[in-house]
Structure formats: C-alpha cells, structure tokens
Amino acid sequence: MVYRPLDRDRQMPLMLGFVLIGFFVWLAENIATFWGVWRYPNQLGAWSLVHVSKWSSWSLMVIMTFTIVANLKHVKSKIHLAERGWQNGRWSRGSPGGSAD
C-alpha cells in the first residue's frame, strides 16, 4: 500500500493496514460503549473493555470487505450498461422516465 500524507510517498504492508483499521474500529467501539451509545450484556452492571478478540473480528471484516469489493470491481468492468437512464441529474435519450431535453 502506498500513501502520501504530506510531501512524499510512503509504504505500508497491506495486512498491517487491515489490522490497524480493525484496531481503530475496536477502539471506537470501546469509546462508544464507555459513553453508553450501546452496551453489551457483560457491561450492564459496570462498563468494561470490549474483549480484545473483537479486534480480530473487525480486522477480518475489513479483509473480507476489501476482497468482495475488489472482486465486484472486476465483475462491473465486464458488464455492459446501456447508454440510457438517469445520468448527470436528468434522464438521457430514449429512457422511459422522461425526455432528454
């Protein structure tokens, strides 16, 4: 993975990026449960940290989402879409929803 935070390109392994995203989602989940946005059954009496195993669950969700989107991108490139329909905020020529003025 290559990214540019300020002035030059930097690199990071893709798996590390997935794990870091999972960590920040887990951290946000802990902040949300601390402030009472929702509670898990083990937090009804008093707040406790969300179990660290959820971090791996969030990381796996990020990996699966990335994989699904990457595969769907290949599928989308093979599908032919008609040149008519809703485009640029109006109906294009020949579509059933209106005129193409």
PDB file of N, CA and C in Angstrom:
ATOM      1  N   MET A   1       0.851  -1.158   0.000  1.00  0.00           N
ATOM      2  CA  MET A   1       0.000   0.000   0.000  1.00  0.00           C
ATOM      3  C   MET A   1       0.907   1.233   0.000  1.00  0.00           C
ATOM      4  N   VAL A   2       0.618   2.160  -0.879  1.00  0.00           N
ATOM      5  CA  VAL A   2       1.380   3.406  -0.955  1.00  0.00           C
ATOM      6  C   VAL A   2       0.439   4.556  -0.634  1.00  0.00           C
ATOM      7  N   TYR A   3       0.877   5.447   0.220  1.00  0.00           N
ATOM      8  CA  TYR A   3       0.074   6.612   0.577  1.00  0.00           C
ATOM      9  C   TYR A   3       0.975   7.834   0.673  1.00  0.00           C
ATOM     10  N   ARG A   4       0.383   9.011   0.593  1.00  0.00           N
ATOM     11  CA  ARG A   4       1.136  10.261   0.607  1.00  0.00           C
ATOM     12  C   ARG A   4       0.521  11.185   1.660  1.00  0.00           C
ATOM     13  N   PRO A   5       1.055  11.176   2.908  1.00  0.00           N
ATOM     14  CA  PRO A   5       0.485  12.042   3.941  1.00  0.00           C
ATOM     15  C   PRO A   5       0.823  13.523   3.766  1.00  0.00           C
ATOM     16  N   LEU A   6       2.028  13.841   3.373  1.00  0.00           N
ATOM     17  CA  LEU A   6       2.413  15.251   3.206  1.00  0.00           C
ATOM     18  C   LEU A   6       3.111  15.486   1.878  1.00  0.00           C
ATOM     19  N   ASP A   7       4.389  15.210   1.848  1.00  0.00           N
ATOM     20  CA  ASP A   7       5.174  15.600   0.683  1.00  0.00           C
ATOM     21  C   ASP A   7       5.785  14.445  -0.107  1.00  0.00           C
ATOM     22  N   ARG A   8       5.801  13.242   0.460  1.00  0.00           N
ATOM     23  CA  ARG A   8       6.417  12.140  -0.282  1.00  0.00           C
ATOM     24  C   ARG A   8       5.650  10.843  -0.053  1.00  0.00           C
ATOM     25  N   ASP A   9       5.835   9.912  -0.991  1.00  0.00           N
ATOM     26  CA  ASP A   9       5.162   8.622  -0.894  1.00  0.00           C
ATOM     27  C   ASP A   9       5.762   7.792   0.229  1.00  0.00           C
ATOM     28  N   ARG A  10       4.884   7.088   0.940  1.00  0.00           N
ATOM     29  CA  ARG A  10       5.316   6.172   1.995  1.00  0.00           C
ATOM     30  C   ARG A  10       4.640   4.835   1.744  1.00  0.00           C
ATOM     31  N   GLN A  11       5.235   3.781   2.265  1.00  0.00           N
ATOM     32  CA  GLN A  11       4.695   2.443   2.039  1.00  0.00           C
ATOM     33  C   GLN A  11       4.371   1.763   3.364  1.00  0.00           C
ATOM     34  N   MET A  12       3.377   0.876   3.311  1.00  0.00           N
ATOM     35  CA  MET A  12       2.988   0.094   4.470  1.00  0.00           C
ATOM     36  C   MET A  12       2.430  -1.224   3.949  1.00  0.00           C
ATOM     37  N   PRO A  13       2.745  -2.338   4.603  1.00  0.00           N
ATOM     38  CA  PRO A  13       2.165  -3.617   4.172  1.00  0.00           C
ATOM     39  C   PRO A  13       0.640  -3.579   4.267  1.00  0.00           C
ATOM     40  N   LEU A  14      -0.019  -4.195   3.298  1.00  0.00           N
ATOM     41  CA  LEU A  14      -1.476  -4.166   3.234  1.00  0.00           C
ATOM     42  C   LEU A  14      -2.106  -4.816   4.464  1.00  0.00           C
ATOM     43  N   MET A  15      -1.553  -5.942   4.928  1.00  0.00           N
ATOM     44  CA  MET A  15      -2.109  -6.614   6.102  1.00  0.00           C
ATOM     45  C   MET A  15      -1.997  -5.735   7.343  1.00  0.00           C
ATOM     46  N   LEU A  16      -0.917  -4.990   7.469  1.00  0.00           N
ATOM     47  CA  LEU A  16      -0.787  -4.074   8.593  1.00  0.00           C
ATOM     48  C   LEU A  16      -1.873  -3.007   8.536  1.00  0.00           C
ATOM     49  N   GLY A  17      -2.184  -2.533   7.340  1.00  0.00           N
ATOM     50  CA  GLY A  17      -3.266  -1.565   7.182  1.00  0.00           C
ATOM     51  C   GLY A  17      -4.598  -2.136   7.625  1.00  0.00           C
ATOM     52  N   PHE A  18      -4.879  -3.399   7.267  1.00  0.00           N
ATOM     53  CA  PHE A  18      -6.123  -4.051   7.685  1.00  0.00           C
ATOM     54  C   PHE A  18      -6.191  -4.182   9.201  1.00  0.00           C
ATOM     55  N   VAL A  19      -5.084  -4.590   9.813  1.00  0.00           N
ATOM     56  CA  VAL A  19      -5.053  -4.764  11.270  1.00  0.00           C
ATOM     57  C   VAL A  19      -5.218  -3.413  11.968  1.00  0.00           C
ATOM     58  N   LEU A  20      -4.602  -2.374  11.439  1.00  0.00           N
ATOM     59  CA  LEU A  20      -4.751  -1.046  12.046  1.00  0.00           C
ATOM     60  C   LEU A  20      -6.183  -0.526  11.934  1.00  0.00           C
ATOM     61  N   ILE A  21      -6.820  -0.759  10.797  1.00  0.00           N
ATOM     62  CA  ILE A  21      -8.224  -0.355  10.663  1.00  0.00           C
ATOM     63  C   ILE A  21      -9.069  -1.107  11.681  1.00  0.00           C
ATOM     64  N   GLY A  22      -8.833  -2.416  11.828  1.00  0.00           N
ATOM     65  CA  GLY A  22      -9.550  -3.208  12.823  1.00  0.00           C
ATOM     66  C   GLY A  22      -9.328  -2.675  14.234  1.00  0.00           C
ATOM     67  N   PHE A  23      -8.090  -2.261  14.528  1.00  0.00           N
ATOM     68  CA  PHE A  23      -7.790  -1.706  15.852  1.00  0.00           C
ATOM     69  C   PHE A  23      -8.565  -0.416  16.099  1.00  0.00           C
ATOM     70  N   PHE A  24      -8.601   0.474  15.128  1.00  0.00           N
ATOM     71  CA  PHE A  24      -9.291   1.747  15.328  1.00  0.00           C
ATOM     72  C   PHE A  24     -10.809   1.565  15.432  1.00  0.00           C
ATOM     73  N   VAL A  25     -11.365   0.587  14.720  1.00  0.00           N
ATOM     74  CA  VAL A  25     -12.794   0.294  14.876  1.00  0.00           C
ATOM     75  C   VAL A  25     -13.044  -0.263  16.279  1.00  0.00           C
ATOM     76  N   TRP A  26     -12.173  -1.165  16.756  1.00  0.00           N
ATOM     77  CA  TRP A  26     -12.287  -1.711  18.111  1.00  0.00           C
ATOM     78  C   TRP A  26     -12.179  -0.596  19.151  1.00  0.00           C
ATOM     79  N   LEU A  27     -11.251   0.323  18.936  1.00  0.00           N
ATOM     80  CA  LEU A  27     -11.093   1.461  19.852  1.00  0.00           C
ATOM     81  C   LEU A  27     -12.352   2.327  19.859  1.00  0.00           C
ATOM     82  N   ALA A  28     -12.906   2.590  18.688  1.00  0.00           N
ATOM     83  CA  ALA A  28     -14.138   3.375  18.604  1.00  0.00           C
ATOM     84  C   ALA A  28     -15.289   2.648  19.291  1.00  0.00           C
ATOM     85  N   GLU A  29     -15.322   1.330  19.172  1.00  0.00           N
ATOM     86  CA  GLU A  29     -16.355   0.539  19.848  1.00  0.00           C
ATOM     87  C   GLU A  29     -16.236   0.681  21.363  1.00  0.00           C
ATOM     88  N   ASN A  30     -15.020   0.684  21.882  1.00  0.00           N
ATOM     89  CA  ASN A  30     -14.815   0.874  23.313  1.00  0.00           C
ATOM     90  C   ASN A  30     -15.238   2.263  23.762  1.00  0.00           C
ATOM     91  N   ILE A  31     -14.925   3.267  22.977  1.00  0.00           N
ATOM     92  CA  ILE A  31     -15.328   4.639  23.315  1.00  0.00           C
ATOM     93  C   ILE A  31     -16.853   4.752  23.310  1.00  0.00           C
ATOM     94  N   ALA A  32     -17.499   4.143  22.319  1.00  0.00           N
ATOM     95  CA  ALA A  32     -18.960   4.206  22.230  1.00  0.00           C
ATOM     96  C   ALA A  32     -19.622   3.499  23.402  1.00  0.00           C
ATOM     97  N   THR A  33     -19.100   2.331  23.787  1.00  0.00           N
ATOM     98  CA  THR A  33     -19.710   1.637  24.926  1.00  0.00           C
ATOM     99  C   THR A  33     -19.415   2.373  26.228  1.00  0.00           C
ATOM    100  N   PHE A  34     -18.273   3.024  26.326  1.00  0.00           N
ATOM    101  CA  PHE A  34     -17.966   3.805  27.531  1.00  0.00           C
ATOM    102  C   PHE A  34     -18.963   4.944  27.704  1.00  0.00           C
ATOM    103  N   TRP A  35     -19.306   5.624  26.615  1.00  0.00           N
ATOM    104  CA  TRP A  35     -20.241   6.751  26.686  1.00  0.00           C
ATOM    105  C   TRP A  35     -21.704   6.314  26.626  1.00  0.00           C
ATOM    106  N   GLY A  36     -21.954   5.001  26.574  1.00  0.00           N
ATOM    107  CA  GLY A  36     -23.317   4.488  26.663  1.00  0.00           C
ATOM    108  C   GLY A  36     -24.115   4.534  25.377  1.00  0.00           C
ATOM    109  N   VAL A  37     -23.450   4.615  24.242  1.00  0.00           N
ATOM    110  CA  VAL A  37     -24.174   4.580  22.967  1.00  0.00           C
ATOM    111  C   VAL A  37     -24.892   3.237  22.843  1.00  0.00           C
ATOM    112  N   TRP A  38     -24.250   2.162  23.247  1.00  0.00           N
ATOM    113  CA  TRP A  38     -24.871   0.847  23.409  1.00  0.00           C
ATOM    114  C   TRP A  38     -24.081   0.103  24.458  1.00  0.00           C
ATOM    115  N   ARG A  39     -24.651  -0.982  24.939  1.00  0.00           N
ATOM    116  CA  ARG A  39     -23.982  -1.802  25.946  1.00  0.00           C
ATOM    117  C   ARG A  39     -24.120  -3.277  25.573  1.00  0.00           C
ATOM    118  N   TYR A  40     -23.063  -4.014  25.848  1.00  0.00           N
ATOM    119  CA  TYR A  40     -23.104  -5.460  25.712  1.00  0.00           C
ATOM    120  C   TYR A  40     -23.585  -6.051  27.034  1.00  0.00           C
ATOM    121  N   PRO A  41     -24.086  -7.288  27.010  1.00  0.00           N
ATOM    122  CA  PRO A  41     -24.624  -7.868  28.257  1.00  0.00           C
ATOM    123  C   PRO A  41     -23.643  -7.854  29.429  1.00  0.00           C
ATOM    124  N   ASN A  42     -22.350  -8.045  29.179  1.00  0.00           N
ATOM    125  CA  ASN A  42     -21.385  -8.029  30.283  1.00  0.00           C
ATOM    126  C   ASN A  42     -21.074  -6.614  30.771  1.00  0.00           C
ATOM    127  N   GLN A  43     -21.658  -5.589  30.154  1.00  0.00           N
ATOM    128  CA  GLN A  43     -21.406  -4.208  30.559  1.00  0.00           C
ATOM    129  C   GLN A  43     -22.620  -3.576  31.231  1.00  0.00           C
ATOM    130  N   LEU A  44     -23.655  -4.354  31.515  1.00  0.00           N
ATOM    131  CA  LEU A  44     -24.874  -3.779  32.089  1.00  0.00           C
ATOM    132  C   LEU A  44     -24.648  -3.271  33.510  1.00  0.00           C
ATOM    133  N   GLY A  45     -23.905  -3.997  34.332  1.00  0.00           N
ATOM    134  CA  GLY A  45     -23.649  -3.554  35.707  1.00  0.00           C
ATOM    135  C   GLY A  45     -22.649  -2.426  35.764  1.00  0.00           C
ATOM    136  N   ALA A  46     -21.560  -2.584  35.082  1.00  0.00           N
ATOM    137  CA  ALA A  46     -20.495  -1.572  35.043  1.00  0.00           C
ATOM    138  C   ALA A  46     -19.767  -1.713  33.715  1.00  0.00           C
ATOM    139  N   TRP A  47     -19.198  -0.613  33.259  1.00  0.00           N
ATOM    140  CA  TRP A  47     -18.511  -0.652  31.972  1.00  0.00           C
ATOM    141  C   TRP A  47     -17.238  -1.482  32.093  1.00  0.00           C
ATOM    142  N   SER A  48     -16.968  -2.252  31.064  1.00  0.00           N
ATOM    143  CA  SER A  48     -15.704  -2.978  30.960  1.00  0.00           C
ATOM    144  C   SER A  48     -15.252  -2.923  29.510  1.00  0.00           C
ATOM    145  N   LEU A  49     -13.983  -3.116  29.320  1.00  0.00           N
ATOM    146  CA  LEU A  49     -13.393  -3.072  27.980  1.00  0.00           C
ATOM    147  C   LEU A  49     -14.000  -4.158  27.100  1.00  0.00           C
ATOM    148  N   VAL A  50     -14.287  -3.819  25.855  1.00  0.00           N
ATOM    149  CA  VAL A  50     -14.738  -4.826  24.898  1.00  0.00           C
ATOM    150  C   VAL A  50     -13.586  -5.795  24.696  1.00  0.00           C
ATOM    151  N   HIS A  51     -13.903  -7.095  24.682  1.00  0.00           N
ATOM    152  CA  HIS A  51     -12.848  -8.106  24.619  1.00  0.00           C
ATOM    153  C   HIS A  51     -11.965  -7.893  23.392  1.00  0.00           C
ATOM    154  N   VAL A  52     -10.679  -8.143  23.585  1.00  0.00           N
ATOM    155  CA  VAL A  52      -9.694  -7.900  22.528  1.00  0.00           C
ATOM    156  C   VAL A  52      -9.913  -8.821  21.324  1.00  0.00           C
ATOM    157  N   SER A  53     -10.631  -9.917  21.496  1.00  0.00           N
ATOM    158  CA  SER A  53     -10.897 -10.813  20.357  1.00  0.00           C
ATOM    159  C   SER A  53     -11.755 -10.128  19.295  1.00  0.00           C
ATOM    160  N   LYS A  54     -12.497  -9.101  19.682  1.00  0.00           N
ATOM    161  CA  LYS A  54     -13.293  -8.362  18.697  1.00  0.00           C
ATOM    162  C   LYS A  54     -12.387  -7.628  17.708  1.00  0.00           C
ATOM    163  N   TRP A  55     -11.166  -7.302  18.105  1.00  0.00           N
ATOM    164  CA  TRP A  55     -10.208  -6.647  17.222  1.00  0.00           C
ATOM    165  C   TRP A  55      -9.951  -7.527  16.000  1.00  0.00           C
ATOM    166  N   SER A  56      -9.740  -8.811  16.233  1.00  0.00           N
ATOM    167  CA  SER A  56      -9.505  -9.708  15.099  1.00  0.00           C
ATOM    168  C   SER A  56     -10.767  -9.849  14.243  1.00  0.00           C
ATOM    169  N   SER A  57     -11.938  -9.780  14.881  1.00  0.00           N
ATOM    170  CA  SER A  57     -13.188  -9.843  14.117  1.00  0.00           C
ATOM    171  C   SER A  57     -13.321  -8.637  13.203  1.00  0.00           C
ATOM    172  N   TRP A  58     -13.014  -7.466  13.705  1.00  0.00           N
ATOM    173  CA  TRP A  58     -13.083  -6.249  12.885  1.00  0.00           C
ATOM    174  C   TRP A  58     -12.054  -6.308  11.757  1.00  0.00           C
ATOM    175  N   SER A  59     -10.858  -6.798  12.055  1.00  0.00           N
ATOM    176  CA  SER A  59      -9.825  -6.910  11.013  1.00  0.00           C
ATOM    177  C   SER A  59     -10.260  -7.877   9.920  1.00  0.00           C
ATOM    178  N   LEU A  60     -10.865  -8.992  10.313  1.00  0.00           N
ATOM    179  CA  LEU A  60     -11.363  -9.953   9.328  1.00  0.00           C
ATOM    180  C   LEU A  60     -12.471  -9.340   8.482  1.00  0.00           C
ATOM    181  N   MET A  61     -13.335  -8.541   9.105  1.00  0.00           N
ATOM    182  CA  MET A  61     -14.399  -7.876   8.347  1.00  0.00           C
ATOM    183  C   MET A  61     -13.807  -6.928   7.301  1.00  0.00           C
ATOM    184  N   VAL A  62     -12.749  -6.214   7.652  1.00  0.00           N
ATOM    185  CA  VAL A  62     -12.111  -5.303   6.704  1.00  0.00           C
ATOM    186  C   VAL A  62     -11.507  -6.091   5.543  1.00  0.00           C
ATOM    187  N   ILE A  63     -10.850  -7.198   5.836  1.00  0.00           N
ATOM    188  CA  ILE A  63     -10.246  -8.024   4.785  1.00  0.00           C
ATOM    189  C   ILE A  63     -11.325  -8.579   3.854  1.00  0.00           C
ATOM    190  N   MET A  64     -12.416  -9.080   4.425  1.00  0.00           N
ATOM    191  CA  MET A  64     -13.500  -9.632   3.606  1.00  0.00           C
ATOM    192  C   MET A  64     -14.149  -8.548   2.752  1.00  0.00           C
ATOM    193  N   THR A  65     -14.365  -7.373   3.317  1.00  0.00           N
ATOM    194  CA  THR A  65     -14.969  -6.270   2.559  1.00  0.00           C
ATOM    195  C   THR A  65     -14.074  -5.863   1.401  1.00  0.00           C
ATOM    196  N   PHE A  66     -12.791  -5.740   1.657  1.00  0.00           N
ATOM    197  CA  PHE A  66     -11.832  -5.382   0.619  1.00  0.00           C
ATOM    198  C   PHE A  66     -11.857  -6.418  -0.504  1.00  0.00           C
ATOM    199  N   THR A  67     -11.887  -7.698  -0.142  1.00  0.00           N
ATOM    200  CA  THR A  67     -11.898  -8.777  -1.133  1.00  0.00           C
ATOM    201  C   THR A  67     -13.174  -8.751  -1.964  1.00  0.00           C
ATOM    202  N   ILE A  68     -14.322  -8.572  -1.311  1.00  0.00           N
ATOM    203  CA  ILE A  68     -15.597  -8.537  -2.030  1.00  0.00           C
ATOM    204  C   ILE A  68     -15.641  -7.361  -2.995  1.00  0.00           C
ATOM    205  N   VAL A  69     -15.226  -6.190  -2.541  1.00  0.00           N
ATOM    206  CA  VAL A  69     -15.252  -5.001  -3.402  1.00  0.00           C
ATOM    207  C   VAL A  69     -14.292  -5.173  -4.577  1.00  0.00           C
ATOM    208  N   ALA A  70     -13.116  -5.727  -4.330  1.00  0.00           N
ATOM    209  CA  ALA A  70     -12.156  -5.947  -5.421  1.00  0.00           C
ATOM    210  C   ALA A  70     -12.719  -6.908  -6.460  1.00  0.00           C
ATOM    211  N   ASN A  71     -13.390  -7.975  -6.015  1.00  0.00           N
ATOM    212  CA  ASN A  71     -13.990  -8.921  -6.959  1.00  0.00           C
ATOM    213  C   ASN A  71     -15.156  -8.300  -7.705  1.00  0.00           C
ATOM    214  N   LEU A  72     -15.979  -7.526  -7.030  1.00  0.00           N
ATOM    215  CA  LEU A  72     -17.107  -6.881  -7.701  1.00  0.00           C
ATOM    216  C   LEU A  72     -16.642  -5.839  -8.710  1.00  0.00           C
ATOM    217  N   LYS A  73     -15.490  -5.237  -8.460  1.00  0.00           N
ATOM    218  CA  LYS A  73     -14.948  -4.273  -9.418  1.00  0.00           C
ATOM    219  C   LYS A  73     -14.618  -4.963 -10.740  1.00  0.00           C
ATOM    220  N   HIS A  74     -14.107  -6.175 -10.669  1.00  0.00           N
ATOM    221  CA  HIS A  74     -13.827  -6.936 -11.890  1.00  0.00           C
ATOM    222  C   HIS A  74     -15.124  -7.328 -12.593  1.00  0.00           C
ATOM    223  N   VAL A  75     -16.137  -7.672 -11.826  1.00  0.00           N
ATOM    224  CA  VAL A  75     -17.431  -8.026 -12.422  1.00  0.00           C
ATOM    225  C   VAL A  75     -18.028  -6.809 -13.112  1.00  0.00           C
ATOM    226  N   LYS A  76     -17.954  -5.662 -12.472  1.00  0.00           N
ATOM    227  CA  LYS A  76     -18.520  -4.444 -13.047  1.00  0.00           C
ATOM    228  C   LYS A  76     -17.846  -4.082 -14.372  1.00  0.00           C
ATOM    229  N   SER A  77     -16.550  -4.335 -14.488  1.00  0.00           N
ATOM    230  CA  SER A  77     -15.846  -3.993 -15.721  1.00  0.00           C
ATOM    231  C   SER A  77     -16.292  -4.873 -16.901  1.00  0.00           C
ATOM    232  N   LYS A  78     -16.890  -6.037 -16.612  1.00  0.00           N
ATOM    233  CA  LYS A  78     -17.323  -6.947 -17.666  1.00  0.00           C
ATOM    234  C   LYS A  78     -18.785  -6.770 -18.046  1.00  0.00           C
ATOM    235  N   ILE A  79     -19.527  -5.973 -17.300  1.00  0.00           N
ATOM    236  CA  ILE A  79     -20.952  -5.771 -17.564  1.00  0.00           C
ATOM    237  C   ILE A  79     -21.128  -4.590 -18.503  1.00  0.00           C
ATOM    238  N   HIS A  80     -21.950  -4.796 -19.535  1.00  0.00           N
ATOM    239  CA  HIS A  80     -22.253  -3.707 -20.460  1.00  0.00           C
ATOM    240  C   HIS A  80     -23.506  -2.999 -19.982  1.00  0.00           C
ATOM    241  N   LEU A  81     -23.418  -1.710 -19.761  1.00  0.00           N
ATOM    242  CA  LEU A  81     -24.564  -0.919 -19.352  1.00  0.00           C
ATOM    243  C   LEU A  81     -25.060  -0.099 -20.535  1.00  0.00           C
ATOM    244  N   ALA A  82     -26.367  -0.011 -20.661  1.00  0.00           N
ATOM    245  CA  ALA A  82     -26.958   0.756 -21.758  1.00  0.00           C
ATOM    246  C   ALA A  82     -26.642   2.234 -21.584  1.00  0.00           C
ATOM    247  N   GLU A  83     -26.657   2.955 -22.664  1.00  0.00           N
ATOM    248  CA  GLU A  83     -26.357   4.376 -22.664  1.00  0.00           C
ATOM    249  C   GLU A  83     -27.558   5.236 -22.301  1.00  0.00           C
ATOM    250  N   ARG A  84     -28.575   4.644 -21.744  1.00  0.00           N
ATOM    251  CA  ARG A  84     -29.763   5.412 -21.404  1.00  0.00           C
ATOM    252  C   ARG A  84     -30.074   5.234 -19.917  1.00  0.00           C
ATOM    253  N   GLY A  85     -30.882   6.112 -19.395  1.00  0.00           N
ATOM    254  CA  GLY A  85     -31.240   6.062 -17.987  1.00  0.00           C
ATOM    255  C   GLY A  85     -30.914   7.376 -17.308  1.00  0.00           C
ATOM    256  N   TRP A  86     -30.877   7.352 -16.010  1.00  0.00           N
ATOM    257  CA  TRP A  86     -30.623   8.548 -15.220  1.00  0.00           C
ATOM    258  C   TRP A  86     -29.128   8.828 -15.215  1.00  0.00           C
ATOM    259  N   GLN A  87     -28.717   9.941 -15.804  1.00  0.00           N
ATOM    260  CA  GLN A  87     -27.307  10.318 -15.860  1.00  0.00           C
ATOM    261  C   GLN A  87     -27.176  11.820 -15.683  1.00  0.00           C
ATOM    262  N   ASN A  88     -26.233  12.218 -14.899  1.00  0.00           N
ATOM    263  CA  ASN A  88     -25.915  13.633 -14.686  1.00  0.00           C
ATOM    264  C   ASN A  88     -27.132  14.447 -14.252  1.00  0.00           C
ATOM    265  N   GLY A  89     -27.964  13.861 -13.415  1.00  0.00           N
ATOM    266  CA  GLY A  89     -29.092  14.591 -12.866  1.00  0.00           C
ATOM    267  C   GLY A  89     -30.305  14.717 -13.764  1.00  0.00           C
ATOM    268  N   ARG A  90     -30.344  13.963 -14.864  1.00  0.00           N
ATOM    269  CA  ARG A  90     -31.518  14.019 -15.747  1.00  0.00           C
ATOM    270  C   ARG A  90     -31.602  12.720 -16.537  1.00  0.00           C
ATOM    271  N   TRP A  91     -32.752  12.500 -17.166  1.00  0.00           N
ATOM    272  CA  TRP A  91     -32.942  11.304 -17.973  1.00  0.00           C
ATOM    273  C   TRP A  91     -32.274  11.489 -19.322  1.00  0.00           C
ATOM    274  N   SER A  92     -31.524  10.488 -19.727  1.00  0.00           N
ATOM    275  CA  SER A  92     -30.887  10.570 -21.037  1.00  0.00           C
ATOM    276  C   SER A  92     -31.845  10.071 -22.110  1.00  0.00           C
ATOM    277  N   ARG A  93     -31.487  10.276 -23.358  1.00  0.00           N
ATOM    278  CA  ARG A  93     -32.322   9.983 -24.525  1.00  0.00           C
ATOM    279  C   ARG A  93     -32.826   8.544 -24.536  1.00  0.00           C
ATOM    280  N   GLY A  94     -34.119   8.408 -24.841  1.00  0.00           N
ATOM    281  CA  GLY A  94     -34.713   7.104 -25.059  1.00  0.00           C
ATOM    282  C   GLY A  94     -35.093   6.353 -23.803  1.00  0.00           C
ATOM    283  N   SER A  95     -34.963   6.927 -22.645  1.00  0.00           N
ATOM    284  CA  SER A  95     -35.313   6.206 -21.427  1.00  0.00           C
ATOM    285  C   SER A  95     -36.773   6.417 -21.078  1.00  0.00           C
ATOM    286  N   PRO A  96     -37.338   5.497 -20.323  1.00  0.00           N
ATOM    287  CA  PRO A  96     -38.776   5.556 -20.042  1.00  0.00           C
ATOM    288  C   PRO A  96     -39.204   6.635 -19.049  1.00  0.00           C
ATOM    289  N   GLY A  97     -38.284   7.337 -18.420  1.00  0.00           N
ATOM    290  CA  GLY A  97     -38.672   8.270 -17.375  1.00  0.00           C
ATOM    291  C   GLY A  97     -38.912   9.704 -17.798  1.00  0.00           C
ATOM    292  N   GLY A  98     -38.653  10.052 -18.997  1.00  0.00           N
ATOM    293  CA  GLY A  98     -38.843  11.436 -19.419  1.00  0.00           C
ATOM    294  C   GLY A  98     -38.085  11.766 -20.681  1.00  0.00           C
ATOM    295  N   SER A  99     -38.046  13.011 -21.010  1.00  0.00           N
ATOM    296  CA  SER A  99     -37.383  13.428 -22.239  1.00  0.00           C
ATOM    297  C   SER A  99     -35.930  13.783 -21.963  1.00  0.00           C
ATOM    298  N   ALA A 100     -35.159  13.932 -23.037  1.00  0.00           N
ATOM    299  CA  ALA A 100     -33.737  14.207 -22.921  1.00  0.00           C
ATOM    300  C   ALA A 100     -33.425  15.626 -23.316  1.00  0.00           C
ATOM    301  N   ASP A 101     -34.211  16.559 -22.921  1.00  0.00           N
ATOM    302  CA  ASP A 101     -34.014  17.976 -23.325  1.00  0.00           C
ATOM    303  C   ASP A 101     -32.646  18.464 -23.012  1.00  0.00           C
TER     304      ASP A 101
END
